[in-house]
Amino acid sequence: MKLNKPVITTLLIIILVFDLIFFSFSLVCKKLTNTKNITSIVMNFDLKKNIIENEMIEKNISNYKYPKEIFNNLDKKEIRKEQNKIINALITNESEIINEKSIEKIIINSVNIYDKKNKTDSYNYSKDDIKQYSNKLSYLINNEYKSLYNILKRVGQNQLLILYMIIFIIISIIIYKFENNTMIFIDSISLILYSFFIYYINNNFYKIFDLQEYSKYIKLHSLDLDFTYIICFILGVVLLLMYLVKIIHKTIKMNKIGWR
């Protein structure tokens, strides 16, 4: 495939590739932080499992300091209430996402129910661990997770997605002016390859970024990018067919001239 302006076109194609990469990253961030995904992550968080697998708590359960059954009576209604608070606080960008005392209260109530039923004193043995766990979880949510959410939210804003699409269109038009029909081929191949790239990201995102360990506590879903990669693939195939039709038409026309 001969290019009319090889240096300029190659440079523009490289910019085009980077533009698609940035667009993909922005799109993934948008999907990760949309209300549906955040609600699914927060509402499916397995608090009990997370408590039991806390390093200190797990160690003290193994050392028979207290049984893991003390966490069997976590109030689901209270947990649900806190989960809704987390979702609303994230969406409205509040300074505090979750209160440490709220987590502590839910866990202590479970321990007290166990002690009352079994006439034991597990609370005195577990209270320090519960406090430490509640402090750690609230710190992670209010600081690290909130900061990460806000960064992803900014990167995935609609304005950036629109900007990347405009850049793609402008560069495509410029290359088309230089290369004419060759640009149709370049765009078609780019979109087809991009559709496979998005398909891979959609189904392997958590593997790529080594986030599968979190599946122990939450349900990880695909990023719902099906519409994006299907549309890109269809557009790519249509453009490729257009290019092939033009090439065939041009070849037939030249052969007719040759026969004359």
C-alpha atoms as a PDB file:
ATOM      1  CA  MET A   1       0.000   0.000   0.000  1.00  0.00           C
ATOM      2  CA  LYS A   2       1.669   3.183  -1.284  1.00  0.00           C
ATOM      3  CA  LEU A   3       1.171   6.411   0.681  1.00  0.00           C
ATOM      4  CA  ASN A   4       1.230   9.851  -0.922  1.00  0.00           C
ATOM      5  CA  LYS A   5       2.630  11.510   2.206  1.00  0.00           C
ATOM      6  CA  PRO A   6       4.309   8.618   4.063  1.00  0.00           C
ATOM      7  CA  VAL A   7       5.971  10.619   6.864  1.00  0.00           C
ATOM      8  CA  ILE A   8       2.995  12.865   7.695  1.00  0.00           C
ATOM      9  CA  THR A   9       0.455  10.026   7.317  1.00  0.00           C
ATOM     10  CA  THR A  10       2.504   7.673   9.529  1.00  0.00           C
ATOM     11  CA  LEU A  11       2.758  10.372  12.193  1.00  0.00           C
ATOM     12  CA  LEU A  12      -0.991  11.024  12.032  1.00  0.00           C
ATOM     13  CA  ILE A  13      -1.744   7.283  12.260  1.00  0.00           C
ATOM     14  CA  ILE A  14       0.413   7.078  15.418  1.00  0.00           C
ATOM     15  CA  ILE A  15      -1.550  10.015  16.911  1.00  0.00           C
ATOM     16  CA  LEU A  16      -4.760   8.241  15.875  1.00  0.00           C
ATOM     17  CA  VAL A  17      -3.699   5.064  17.711  1.00  0.00           C
ATOM     18  CA  PHE A  18      -2.876   7.007  20.886  1.00  0.00           C
ATOM     19  CA  ASP A  19      -6.177   8.853  20.600  1.00  0.00           C
ATOM     20  CA  LEU A  20      -8.030   5.515  20.488  1.00  0.00           C
ATOM     21  CA  ILE A  21      -6.052   4.248  23.500  1.00  0.00           C
ATOM     22  CA  PHE A  22      -6.922   7.370  25.524  1.00  0.00           C
ATOM     23  CA  PHE A  23     -10.543   7.094  24.388  1.00  0.00           C
ATOM     24  CA  SER A  24     -10.618   3.455  25.556  1.00  0.00           C
ATOM     25  CA  PHE A  25      -9.149   4.333  28.945  1.00  0.00           C
ATOM     26  CA  SER A  26     -11.643   7.174  29.376  1.00  0.00           C
ATOM     27  CA  LEU A  27     -14.526   4.913  28.319  1.00  0.00           C
ATOM     28  CA  VAL A  28     -13.480   2.208  30.810  1.00  0.00           C
ATOM     29  CA  CYS A  29     -13.293   4.813  33.606  1.00  0.00           C
ATOM     30  CA  LYS A  30     -16.773   6.048  32.700  1.00  0.00           C
ATOM     31  CA  LYS A  31     -18.165   2.497  32.842  1.00  0.00           C
ATOM     32  CA  LEU A  32     -16.410   1.723  36.136  1.00  0.00           C
ATOM     33  CA  THR A  33     -17.841   4.813  37.853  1.00  0.00           C
ATOM     34  CA  ASN A  34     -21.363   4.830  36.468  1.00  0.00           C
ATOM     35  CA  THR A  35     -24.179   4.478  39.015  1.00  0.00           C
ATOM     36  CA  LYS A  36     -25.086   0.954  37.887  1.00  0.00           C
ATOM     37  CA  ASN A  37     -21.567  -0.415  38.365  1.00  0.00           C
ATOM     38  CA  ILE A  38     -20.933   1.401  41.655  1.00  0.00           C
ATOM     39  CA  THR A  39     -24.281   0.194  43.021  1.00  0.00           C
ATOM     40  CA  SER A  40     -23.463  -3.386  42.002  1.00  0.00           C
ATOM     41  CA  ILE A  41     -20.002  -3.269  43.623  1.00  0.00           C
ATOM     42  CA  VAL A  42     -21.173  -1.713  46.896  1.00  0.00           C
ATOM     43  CA  MET A  43     -24.382  -3.745  47.280  1.00  0.00           C
ATOM     44  CA  ASN A  44     -22.609  -7.056  46.610  1.00  0.00           C
ATOM     45  CA  PHE A  45     -19.792  -6.420  49.075  1.00  0.00           C
ATOM     46  CA  ASP A  46     -19.516  -9.408  51.439  1.00  0.00           C
ATOM     47  CA  LEU A  47     -18.859  -7.742  54.795  1.00  0.00           C
ATOM     48  CA  LYS A  48     -18.790 -10.959  56.827  1.00  0.00           C
ATOM     49  CA  LYS A  49     -16.211 -12.605  54.583  1.00  0.00           C
ATOM     50  CA  ASN A  50     -14.102  -9.473  54.597  1.00  0.00           C
ATOM     51  CA  ILE A  51     -14.172  -9.350  58.413  1.00  0.00           C
ATOM     52  CA  ILE A  52     -13.239 -13.012  58.870  1.00  0.00           C
ATOM     53  CA  GLU A  53     -10.359 -12.714  56.384  1.00  0.00           C
ATOM     54  CA  ASN A  54      -8.947  -9.656  58.103  1.00  0.00           C
ATOM     55  CA  GLU A  55      -5.382 -10.577  59.088  1.00  0.00           C
ATOM     56  CA  MET A  56      -5.702  -9.891  62.820  1.00  0.00           C
ATOM     57  CA  ILE A  57      -9.194 -11.354  63.178  1.00  0.00           C
ATOM     58  CA  GLU A  58      -8.262 -14.465  61.195  1.00  0.00           C
ATOM     59  CA  LYS A  59      -5.198 -14.949  63.405  1.00  0.00           C
ATOM     60  CA  ASN A  60      -7.184 -14.644  66.648  1.00  0.00           C
ATOM     61  CA  ILE A  61      -9.908 -16.989  65.390  1.00  0.00           C
ATOM     62  CA  SER A  62      -7.179 -19.552  64.574  1.00  0.00           C
ATOM     63  CA  ASN A  63      -5.750 -19.083  68.064  1.00  0.00           C
ATOM     64  CA  TYR A  64      -9.216 -19.791  69.568  1.00  0.00           C
ATOM     65  CA  LYS A  65      -9.421 -16.316  71.104  1.00  0.00           C
ATOM     66  CA  TYR A  66     -13.027 -16.152  69.885  1.00  0.00           C
ATOM     67  CA  PRO A  67     -15.099 -18.132  67.342  1.00  0.00           C
ATOM     68  CA  LYS A  68     -15.875 -16.847  63.830  1.00  0.00           C
ATOM     69  CA  GLU A  69     -19.563 -17.492  64.564  1.00  0.00           C
ATOM     70  CA  ILE A  70     -19.692 -14.201  66.488  1.00  0.00           C
ATOM     71  CA  PHE A  71     -20.035 -12.537  63.070  1.00  0.00           C
ATOM     72  CA  ASN A  72     -23.023 -14.656  61.987  1.00  0.00           C
ATOM     73  CA  ASN A  73     -25.603 -12.134  63.182  1.00  0.00           C
ATOM     74  CA  LEU A  74     -24.660  -9.071  61.127  1.00  0.00           C
ATOM     75  CA  ASP A  75     -27.857  -7.090  60.574  1.00  0.00           C
ATOM     76  CA  LYS A  76     -28.579  -7.199  56.823  1.00  0.00           C
ATOM     77  CA  LYS A  77     -30.962  -4.241  57.009  1.00  0.00           C
ATOM     78  CA  GLU A  78     -28.343  -2.084  58.720  1.00  0.00           C
ATOM     79  CA  ILE A  79     -25.686  -3.189  56.222  1.00  0.00           C
ATOM     80  CA  ARG A  80     -28.031  -2.350  53.348  1.00  0.00           C
ATOM     81  CA  LYS A  81     -28.665   1.061  54.886  1.00  0.00           C
ATOM     82  CA  GLU A  82     -24.920   1.755  55.103  1.00  0.00           C
ATOM     83  CA  GLN A  83     -24.400   0.539  51.537  1.00  0.00           C
ATOM     84  CA  ASN A  84     -27.033   3.002  50.288  1.00  0.00           C
ATOM     85  CA  LYS A  85     -25.305   5.777  52.229  1.00  0.00           C
ATOM     86  CA  ILE A  86     -21.986   4.913  50.561  1.00  0.00           C
ATOM     87  CA  ILE A  87     -23.536   5.021  47.076  1.00  0.00           C
ATOM     88  CA  ASN A  88     -25.281   8.369  47.733  1.00  0.00           C
ATOM     89  CA  ALA A  89     -22.163   9.861  49.332  1.00  0.00           C
ATOM     90  CA  LEU A  90     -20.022   8.888  46.322  1.00  0.00           C
ATOM     91  CA  ILE A  91     -22.514  10.258  43.803  1.00  0.00           C
ATOM     92  CA  THR A  92     -22.964  13.549  45.713  1.00  0.00           C
ATOM     93  CA  ASN A  93     -19.192  13.766  46.423  1.00  0.00           C
ATOM     94  CA  GLU A  94     -19.505  14.085  50.206  1.00  0.00           C
ATOM     95  CA  SER A  95     -16.405  14.417  52.374  1.00  0.00           C
ATOM     96  CA  GLU A  96     -17.203  11.300  54.445  1.00  0.00           C
ATOM     97  CA  ILE A  97     -18.352   8.196  52.597  1.00  0.00           C
ATOM     98  CA  ILE A  98     -18.833   5.949  55.608  1.00  0.00           C
ATOM     99  CA  ASN A  99     -18.665   6.425  59.356  1.00  0.00           C
ATOM    100  CA  GLU A 100     -16.293   4.196  61.325  1.00  0.00           C
ATOM    101  CA  LYS A 101     -18.695   3.986  64.272  1.00  0.00           C
ATOM    102  CA  SER A 102     -21.482   2.722  62.009  1.00  0.00           C
ATOM    103  CA  ILE A 103     -19.388  -0.263  60.903  1.00  0.00           C
ATOM    104  CA  GLU A 104     -18.266  -0.917  64.460  1.00  0.00           C
ATOM    105  CA  LYS A 105     -21.848  -0.820  65.750  1.00  0.00           C
ATOM    106  CA  ILE A 106     -23.070  -3.418  63.212  1.00  0.00           C
ATOM    107  CA  ILE A 107     -20.254  -5.828  64.145  1.00  0.00           C
ATOM    108  CA  ILE A 108     -20.592  -5.311  67.914  1.00  0.00           C
ATOM    109  CA  ASN A 109     -24.347  -5.960  67.730  1.00  0.00           C
ATOM    110  CA  SER A 110     -23.627  -9.289  66.052  1.00  0.00           C
ATOM    111  CA  VAL A 111     -21.123 -10.222  68.777  1.00  0.00           C
ATOM    112  CA  ASN A 112     -23.560  -9.228  71.530  1.00  0.00           C
ATOM    113  CA  ILE A 113     -26.310 -11.404  70.026  1.00  0.00           C
ATOM    114  CA  TYR A 114     -23.904 -14.356  69.948  1.00  0.00           C
ATOM    115  CA  ASP A 115     -22.807 -13.741  73.560  1.00  0.00           C
ATOM    116  CA  LYS A 116     -26.380 -13.466  74.745  1.00  0.00           C
ATOM    117  CA  LYS A 117     -27.393 -16.725  73.053  1.00  0.00           C
ATOM    118  CA  ASN A 118     -24.350 -18.694  74.188  1.00  0.00           C
ATOM    119  CA  LYS A 119     -23.700 -16.966  77.527  1.00  0.00           C
ATOM    120  CA  THR A 120     -20.123 -16.106  76.536  1.00  0.00           C
ATOM    121  CA  ASP A 121     -17.936 -13.002  76.719  1.00  0.00           C
ATOM    122  CA  SER A 122     -16.536 -12.845  73.175  1.00  0.00           C
ATOM    123  CA  TYR A 123     -16.921  -9.081  73.008  1.00  0.00           C
ATOM    124  CA  ASN A 124     -14.105  -8.362  75.472  1.00  0.00           C
ATOM    125  CA  TYR A 125     -11.773 -10.597  73.467  1.00  0.00           C
ATOM    126  CA  SER A 126     -12.739  -9.186  70.085  1.00  0.00           C
ATOM    127  CA  LYS A 127     -13.445  -5.485  70.737  1.00  0.00           C
ATOM    128  CA  ASP A 128      -9.904  -4.307  69.877  1.00  0.00           C
ATOM    129  CA  ASP A 129      -9.920  -6.269  66.630  1.00  0.00           C
ATOM    130  CA  ILE A 130     -13.350  -4.918  65.726  1.00  0.00           C
ATOM    131  CA  LYS A 131     -12.205  -1.353  66.362  1.00  0.00           C
ATOM    132  CA  GLN A 132      -9.056  -1.888  64.302  1.00  0.00           C
ATOM    133  CA  TYR A 133     -10.996  -3.461  61.443  1.00  0.00           C
ATOM    134  CA  SER A 134     -13.644  -0.697  61.432  1.00  0.00           C
ATOM    135  CA  ASN A 135     -10.948   1.959  61.433  1.00  0.00           C
ATOM    136  CA  LYS A 136      -9.061   0.322  58.566  1.00  0.00           C
ATOM    137  CA  LEU A 137     -12.155  -0.230  56.402  1.00  0.00           C
ATOM    138  CA  SER A 138     -13.506   3.293  56.925  1.00  0.00           C
ATOM    139  CA  TYR A 139     -10.061   4.772  56.173  1.00  0.00           C
ATOM    140  CA  LEU A 140      -9.799   2.804  52.915  1.00  0.00           C
ATOM    141  CA  ILE A 141     -13.287   3.818  51.787  1.00  0.00           C
ATOM    142  CA  ASN A 142     -13.061   7.469  52.873  1.00  0.00           C
ATOM    143  CA  ASN A 143      -9.572   8.063  51.523  1.00  0.00           C
ATOM    144  CA  GLU A 144      -8.051   5.586  49.061  1.00  0.00           C
ATOM    145  CA  TYR A 145     -11.224   4.289  47.385  1.00  0.00           C
ATOM    146  CA  LYS A 146     -12.839   7.726  47.301  1.00  0.00           C
ATOM    147  CA  SER A 147      -9.715   9.287  45.735  1.00  0.00           C
ATOM    148  CA  LEU A 148      -9.535   6.507  43.149  1.00  0.00           C
ATOM    149  CA  TYR A 149     -13.240   6.917  42.350  1.00  0.00           C
ATOM    150  CA  ASN A 150     -12.845  10.686  41.877  1.00  0.00           C
ATOM    151  CA  ILE A 151      -9.825  10.260  39.590  1.00  0.00           C
ATOM    152  CA  LEU A 152     -11.632   7.669  37.446  1.00  0.00           C
ATOM    153  CA  LYS A 153     -14.727   9.900  37.383  1.00  0.00           C
ATOM    154  CA  ARG A 154     -12.712  12.838  36.048  1.00  0.00           C
ATOM    155  CA  VAL A 155     -10.924  10.730  33.439  1.00  0.00           C
ATOM    156  CA  GLY A 156     -14.247   9.227  32.279  1.00  0.00           C
ATOM    157  CA  GLN A 157     -16.191  12.463  31.883  1.00  0.00           C
ATOM    158  CA  ASN A 158     -18.229  12.935  28.697  1.00  0.00           C
ATOM    159  CA  GLN A 159     -16.284  16.027  27.616  1.00  0.00           C
ATOM    160  CA  LEU A 160     -13.065  14.003  27.270  1.00  0.00           C
ATOM    161  CA  LEU A 161     -14.816  11.232  25.338  1.00  0.00           C
ATOM    162  CA  ILE A 162     -16.267  13.782  22.926  1.00  0.00           C
ATOM    163  CA  LEU A 163     -12.846  15.448  22.563  1.00  0.00           C
ATOM    164  CA  TYR A 164     -11.191  12.117  21.629  1.00  0.00           C
ATOM    165  CA  MET A 165     -13.936  11.429  19.064  1.00  0.00           C
ATOM    166  CA  ILE A 166     -13.484  14.890  17.526  1.00  0.00           C
ATOM    167  CA  ILE A 167      -9.701  14.330  17.319  1.00  0.00           C
ATOM    168  CA  PHE A 168     -10.318  10.963  15.604  1.00  0.00           C
ATOM    169  CA  ILE A 169     -12.651  12.565  13.031  1.00  0.00           C
ATOM    170  CA  ILE A 170     -10.321  15.528  12.338  1.00  0.00           C
ATOM    171  CA  ILE A 171      -7.236  13.314  11.878  1.00  0.00           C
ATOM    172  CA  SER A 172      -9.223  10.934   9.655  1.00  0.00           C
ATOM    173  CA  ILE A 173     -10.311  13.853   7.441  1.00  0.00           C
ATOM    174  CA  ILE A 174      -6.719  15.166   7.208  1.00  0.00           C
ATOM    175  CA  ILE A 175      -5.367  11.732   6.247  1.00  0.00           C
ATOM    176  CA  TYR A 176      -8.206  11.330   3.739  1.00  0.00           C
ATOM    177  CA  LYS A 177      -7.131  14.581   2.039  1.00  0.00           C
ATOM    178  CA  PHE A 178      -3.596  13.223   1.715  1.00  0.00           C
ATOM    179  CA  GLU A 179      -4.367   9.591   0.907  1.00  0.00           C
ATOM    180  CA  ASN A 180      -7.913   9.593  -0.560  1.00  0.00           C
ATOM    181  CA  ASN A 181      -9.309   6.023  -0.665  1.00  0.00           C
ATOM    182  CA  THR A 182      -6.376   4.617   1.305  1.00  0.00           C
ATOM    183  CA  MET A 183      -7.813   6.362   4.381  1.00  0.00           C
ATOM    184  CA  ILE A 184     -10.960   4.261   4.100  1.00  0.00           C
ATOM    185  CA  PHE A 185      -8.778   1.155   4.341  1.00  0.00           C
ATOM    186  CA  ILE A 186      -6.786   2.608   7.269  1.00  0.00           C
ATOM    187  CA  ASP A 187      -9.996   3.513   9.143  1.00  0.00           C
ATOM    188  CA  SER A 188     -11.590   0.122   8.461  1.00  0.00           C
ATOM    189  CA  ILE A 189      -8.600  -1.845   9.744  1.00  0.00           C
ATOM    190  CA  SER A 190      -8.248   0.518  12.740  1.00  0.00           C
ATOM    191  CA  LEU A 191     -11.906   0.067  13.721  1.00  0.00           C
ATOM    192  CA  ILE A 192     -11.851  -3.726  13.282  1.00  0.00           C
ATOM    193  CA  LEU A 193      -8.667  -4.074  15.369  1.00  0.00           C
ATOM    194  CA  TYR A 194     -10.075  -1.616  17.901  1.00  0.00           C
ATOM    195  CA  SER A 195     -13.288  -3.661  18.222  1.00  0.00           C
ATOM    196  CA  PHE A 196     -11.216  -6.748  19.129  1.00  0.00           C
ATOM    197  CA  PHE A 197      -9.186  -4.653  21.592  1.00  0.00           C
ATOM    198  CA  ILE A 198     -12.364  -3.371  23.320  1.00  0.00           C
ATOM    199  CA  TYR A 199     -13.810  -6.907  23.337  1.00  0.00           C
ATOM    200  CA  TYR A 200     -10.669  -8.163  25.108  1.00  0.00           C
ATOM    201  CA  ILE A 201     -10.724  -5.284  27.625  1.00  0.00           C
ATOM    202  CA  ASN A 202     -14.437  -5.844  28.285  1.00  0.00           C
ATOM    203  CA  ASN A 203     -13.955  -9.508  29.209  1.00  0.00           C
ATOM    204  CA  ASN A 204     -10.483  -9.428  30.787  1.00  0.00           C
ATOM    205  CA  PHE A 205     -10.253  -6.048  32.515  1.00  0.00           C
ATOM    206  CA  TYR A 206     -10.026  -7.479  36.036  1.00  0.00           C
ATOM    207  CA  LYS A 207      -7.382 -10.014  34.973  1.00  0.00           C
ATOM    208  CA  ILE A 208      -5.276  -7.391  33.192  1.00  0.00           C
ATOM    209  CA  PHE A 209      -5.167  -5.136  36.257  1.00  0.00           C
ATOM    210  CA  ASP A 210      -4.937  -8.045  38.723  1.00  0.00           C
ATOM    211  CA  LEU A 211      -8.198  -7.164  40.506  1.00  0.00           C
ATOM    212  CA  GLN A 212      -9.569 -10.683  40.773  1.00  0.00           C
ATOM    213  CA  GLU A 213      -8.753 -10.950  44.473  1.00  0.00           C
ATOM    214  CA  TYR A 214     -11.612  -8.496  45.072  1.00  0.00           C
ATOM    215  CA  SER A 215     -14.047 -11.035  43.616  1.00  0.00           C
ATOM    216  CA  LYS A 216     -13.954 -12.716  47.049  1.00  0.00           C
ATOM    217  CA  TYR A 217     -15.910  -9.783  48.457  1.00  0.00           C
ATOM    218  CA  ILE A 218     -17.770  -8.323  45.470  1.00  0.00           C
ATOM    219  CA  LYS A 219     -19.244  -9.593  42.193  1.00  0.00           C
ATOM    220  CA  LEU A 220     -17.128  -8.480  39.261  1.00  0.00           C
ATOM    221  CA  HIS A 221     -19.057  -7.860  36.064  1.00  0.00           C
ATOM    222  CA  SER A 222     -17.997  -7.130  32.517  1.00  0.00           C
ATOM    223  CA  LEU A 223     -17.763  -3.433  31.670  1.00  0.00           C
ATOM    224  CA  ASP A 224     -20.833  -3.481  29.368  1.00  0.00           C
ATOM    225  CA  LEU A 225     -18.797  -2.364  26.351  1.00  0.00           C
ATOM    226  CA  ASP A 226     -20.674  -4.724  24.010  1.00  0.00           C
ATOM    227  CA  PHE A 227     -22.382  -1.902  22.111  1.00  0.00           C
ATOM    228  CA  THR A 228     -19.043  -0.122  21.539  1.00  0.00           C
ATOM    229  CA  TYR A 229     -17.101  -3.066  20.088  1.00  0.00           C
ATOM    230  CA  ILE A 230     -20.063  -4.309  18.003  1.00  0.00           C
ATOM    231  CA  ILE A 231     -20.588  -0.861  16.421  1.00  0.00           C
ATOM    232  CA  CYS A 232     -16.831  -0.448  15.780  1.00  0.00           C
ATOM    233  CA  PHE A 233     -16.656  -3.902  14.159  1.00  0.00           C
ATOM    234  CA  ILE A 234     -19.695  -3.271  11.917  1.00  0.00           C
ATOM    235  CA  LEU A 235     -18.377   0.156  10.852  1.00  0.00           C
ATOM    236  CA  GLY A 236     -14.953  -1.334  10.183  1.00  0.00           C
ATOM    237  CA  VAL A 237     -16.389  -4.118   8.010  1.00  0.00           C
ATOM    238  CA  VAL A 238     -18.626  -1.650   6.098  1.00  0.00           C
ATOM    239  CA  LEU A 239     -15.657   0.647   5.396  1.00  0.00           C
ATOM    240  CA  LEU A 240     -13.524  -2.324   4.337  1.00  0.00           C
ATOM    241  CA  LEU A 241     -16.244  -3.480   1.921  1.00  0.00           C
ATOM    242  CA  MET A 242     -16.498   0.070   0.529  1.00  0.00           C
ATOM    243  CA  TYR A 243     -12.738   0.110  -0.022  1.00  0.00           C
ATOM    244  CA  LEU A 244     -12.779  -3.307  -1.723  1.00  0.00           C
ATOM    245  CA  VAL A 245     -15.682  -2.234  -3.974  1.00  0.00           C
ATOM    246  CA  LYS A 246     -13.742   0.887  -4.997  1.00  0.00           C
ATOM    247  CA  ILE A 247     -10.603  -1.172  -5.704  1.00  0.00           C
ATOM    248  CA  ILE A 248     -12.554  -3.756  -7.742  1.00  0.00           C
ATOM    249  CA  HIS A 249     -14.372  -0.994  -9.629  1.00  0.00           C
ATOM    250  CA  LYS A 250     -11.079   0.780 -10.342  1.00  0.00           C
ATOM    251  CA  THR A 251      -9.440  -2.485 -11.487  1.00  0.00           C
ATOM    252  CA  ILE A 252     -12.350  -3.315 -13.830  1.00  0.00           C
ATOM    253  CA  LYS A 253     -12.283   0.230 -15.239  1.00  0.00           C
ATOM    254  CA  MET A 254      -8.529   0.053 -15.907  1.00  0.00           C
ATOM    255  CA  ASN A 255      -8.868  -3.368 -17.542  1.00  0.00           C
ATOM    256  CA  LYS A 256     -11.588  -2.011 -19.836  1.00  0.00           C
ATOM    257  CA  ILE A 257      -9.308   0.836 -20.879  1.00  0.00           C
ATOM    258  CA  GLY A 258      -6.513  -1.683 -21.460  1.00  0.00           C
ATOM    259  CA  TRP A 259      -8.748  -3.821 -23.699  1.00  0.00           C
ATOM    260  CA  ARG A 260      -9.517  -0.836 -25.850  1.00  0.00           C
END
